C-alpha atoms as a PDB file:
ATOM      1  CA  MET A   1       4.365  13.250 -10.697  1.00  0.00           C
ATOM      2  CA  PRO A   2       2.467  16.166  -8.840  1.00  0.00           C
ATOM      3  CA  THR A   3       1.140  15.086  -5.635  1.00  0.00           C
ATOM      4  CA  GLU A   4      -2.501  16.580  -6.479  1.00  0.00           C
ATOM      5  CA  ASN A   5      -3.007  13.574  -8.756  1.00  0.00           C
ATOM      6  CA  PRO A   6      -4.788  10.223  -7.296  1.00  0.00           C
ATOM      7  CA  THR A   7      -2.328   7.763  -6.053  1.00  0.00           C
ATOM      8  CA  VAL A   8      -2.583   4.504  -4.575  1.00  0.00           C
ATOM      9  CA  LEU A   9      -0.080   2.799  -1.825  1.00  0.00           C
ATOM     10  CA  VAL A  10       1.874  -0.223  -3.044  1.00  0.00           C
ATOM     11  CA  GLY A  11       4.607  -2.313  -1.025  1.00  0.00           C
ATOM     12  CA  VAL A  12       7.661  -3.949  -2.201  1.00  0.00           C
ATOM     13  CA  THR A  13      10.189  -6.340  -0.908  1.00  0.00           C
ATOM     14  CA  LEU A  14      13.506  -4.936  -1.626  1.00  0.00           C
ATOM     15  CA  TRP A  15      16.835  -5.325  -0.022  1.00  0.00           C
ATOM     16  CA  PRO A  16      18.728  -3.134   2.504  1.00  0.00           C
ATOM     17  CA  GLY A  17      19.738   0.392   1.842  1.00  0.00           C
ATOM     18  CA  ALA A  18      17.284   0.011  -1.184  1.00  0.00           C
ATOM     19  CA  THR A  19      16.403   3.344  -3.108  1.00  0.00           C
ATOM     20  CA  LEU A  20      13.364   4.691  -4.663  1.00  0.00           C
ATOM     21  CA  ARG A  21      15.218   4.382  -8.043  1.00  0.00           C
ATOM     22  CA  ASP A  22      15.555   0.675  -7.328  1.00  0.00           C
ATOM     23  CA  ALA A  23      11.826   0.390  -6.493  1.00  0.00           C
ATOM     24  CA  VAL A  24      11.247   1.905  -9.633  1.00  0.00           C
ATOM     25  CA  ARG A  25      13.084  -0.422 -11.589  1.00  0.00           C
ATOM     26  CA  ARG A  26      12.258  -3.193  -9.650  1.00  0.00           C
ATOM     27  CA  LEU A  27       8.711  -2.932 -10.259  1.00  0.00           C
ATOM     28  CA  ARG A  28       9.299  -1.621 -14.009  1.00  0.00           C
ATOM     29  CA  LEU A  29       7.694   1.826 -13.256  1.00  0.00           C
ATOM     30  CA  ALA A  30       8.254   5.093 -15.239  1.00  0.00           C
ATOM     31  CA  ASP A  31       9.185   7.994 -13.465  1.00  0.00           C
ATOM     32  CA  ASP A  32       5.768   9.721 -13.948  1.00  0.00           C
ATOM     33  CA  GLU A  33       3.843   6.917 -12.377  1.00  0.00           C
ATOM     34  CA  VAL A  34       5.523   7.376  -9.135  1.00  0.00           C
ATOM     35  CA  ASP A  35       5.175  10.487  -6.226  1.00  0.00           C
ATOM     36  CA  SER A  36       9.001  11.032  -5.674  1.00  0.00           C
ATOM     37  CA  ALA A  37       7.901  13.727  -3.401  1.00  0.00           C
ATOM     38  CA  TYR A  38       6.778  10.623  -0.940  1.00  0.00           C
ATOM     39  CA  GLY A  39       9.367   8.665  -1.701  1.00  0.00           C
ATOM     40  CA  LEU A  40      10.206   5.298  -0.679  1.00  0.00           C
ATOM     41  CA  VAL A  41       9.246   4.602   2.879  1.00  0.00           C
ATOM     42  CA  ALA A  42      10.353   1.544   5.089  1.00  0.00           C
ATOM     43  CA  VAL A  43       7.514  -0.100   6.672  1.00  0.00           C
ATOM     44  CA  ASP A  44       8.998  -3.071   8.046  1.00  0.00           C
ATOM     45  CA  PRO A  45      12.809  -2.859   8.286  1.00  0.00           C
ATOM     46  CA  ALA A  46      13.375  -6.339   9.597  1.00  0.00           C
ATOM     47  CA  ARG A  47      11.711  -7.925   6.723  1.00  0.00           C
ATOM     48  CA  HIS A  48      12.918  -5.163   3.940  1.00  0.00           C
ATOM     49  CA  VAL A  49       9.468  -4.096   3.167  1.00  0.00           C
ATOM     50  CA  TYR A  50       8.868  -0.464   1.635  1.00  0.00           C
ATOM     51  CA  ALA A  51       6.111   1.321   0.593  1.00  0.00           C
ATOM     52  CA  LEU A  52       5.578   3.910  -2.203  1.00  0.00           C
ATOM     53  CA  LEU A  53       2.776   5.923  -4.070  1.00  0.00           C
ATOM     54  CA  VAL A  54       1.876   5.287  -7.793  1.00  0.00           C
ATOM     55  CA  THR A  55      -0.600   6.322 -10.294  1.00  0.00           C
ATOM     56  CA  PRO A  56      -4.062   3.736  -9.881  1.00  0.00           C
ATOM     57  CA  SER A  57      -2.757   2.401 -13.442  1.00  0.00           C
ATOM     58  CA  ALA A  58       0.610   1.608 -12.177  1.00  0.00           C
ATOM     59  CA  GLY A  59      -0.948  -0.218  -9.187  1.00  0.00           C
ATOM     60  CA  GLN A  60      -3.313  -2.214 -10.935  1.00  0.00           C
ATOM     61  CA  ARG A  61      -0.400  -3.406 -13.490  1.00  0.00           C
ATOM     62  CA  ILE A  62       1.745  -4.560 -10.525  1.00  0.00           C
ATOM     63  CA  ARG A  63      -1.194  -6.421  -9.161  1.00  0.00           C
ATOM     64  CA  GLY A  64       0.212 -10.014  -8.388  1.00  0.00           C
ATOM     65  CA  THR A  65       4.069  -9.304  -9.104  1.00  0.00           C
ATOM     66  CA  SER A  66       6.163 -11.685  -6.917  1.00  0.00           C
ATOM     67  CA  GLY A  67       7.417  -9.252  -3.849  1.00  0.00           C
ATOM     68  CA  ALA A  68       4.927  -6.676  -4.516  1.00  0.00           C
ATOM     69  CA  GLY A  69       1.687  -5.784  -2.557  1.00  0.00           C
ATOM     70  CA  GLY A  70      -1.282  -3.724  -3.257  1.00  0.00           C
ATOM     71  CA  PRO A  71      -2.790  -1.571  -4.554  1.00  0.00           C
ATOM     72  CA  HIS A  72      -4.280  -0.250  -1.139  1.00  0.00           C
ATOM     73  CA  ALA A  73      -5.948   3.127  -1.035  1.00  0.00           C
ATOM     74  CA  ASN A  74      -4.578   6.378  -0.358  1.00  0.00           C
ATOM     75  CA  PRO A  75      -7.707   8.486   1.176  1.00  0.00           C
ATOM     76  CA  ARG A  76      -7.119  11.921   1.343  1.00  0.00           C
ATOM     77  CA  ILE A  77      -6.937  12.449   5.223  1.00  0.00           C
ATOM     78  CA  GLU A  78      -8.754  15.672   6.587  1.00  0.00           C
ATOM     79  CA  PRO A  79     -10.003  17.426   9.578  1.00  0.00           C
ATOM     80  CA  PHE A  80     -13.681  15.875  10.626  1.00  0.00           C
ATOM     81  CA  GLY A  81     -15.920  18.469  11.887  1.00  0.00           C
ATOM     82  CA  PRO A  82     -15.440  22.076  12.113  1.00  0.00           C
ATOM     83  CA  PRO A  83     -12.339  23.675  13.696  1.00  0.00           C
ATOM     84  CA  GLU A  84     -12.324  24.272  16.974  1.00  0.00           C
ATOM     85  CA  PRO A  85     -10.966  27.651  18.756  1.00  0.00           C
ATOM     86  CA  ASP A  86      -7.320  27.261  20.089  1.00  0.00           C
ATOM     87  CA  GLY A  87      -7.456  25.815  23.730  1.00  0.00           C
ATOM     88  CA  GLU A  88     -11.037  24.301  23.028  1.00  0.00           C
ATOM     89  CA  LYS A  89     -11.295  20.364  23.112  1.00  0.00           C
ATOM     90  CA  GLY A  90     -14.378  18.116  23.037  1.00  0.00           C
END
């Protein structure tokens, strides 16, 4: 999935050493519903909780799935205000 498309963040509890492919299978997602460039990110390794970005429709579909969390907003992060010249801080 191209990263320009809107995405939502979902969490999933897997097993140690899990891969993005494991998460896709566990959540029954299609390859084009997952941002493979973002990948699978360990957000709480001690509890084996991972995050991935999916399409909004996929996020809604997995809502309430056992071992899954979300969907959560994934707002675009951009600078606030005009750029400052190098070396100047306000």
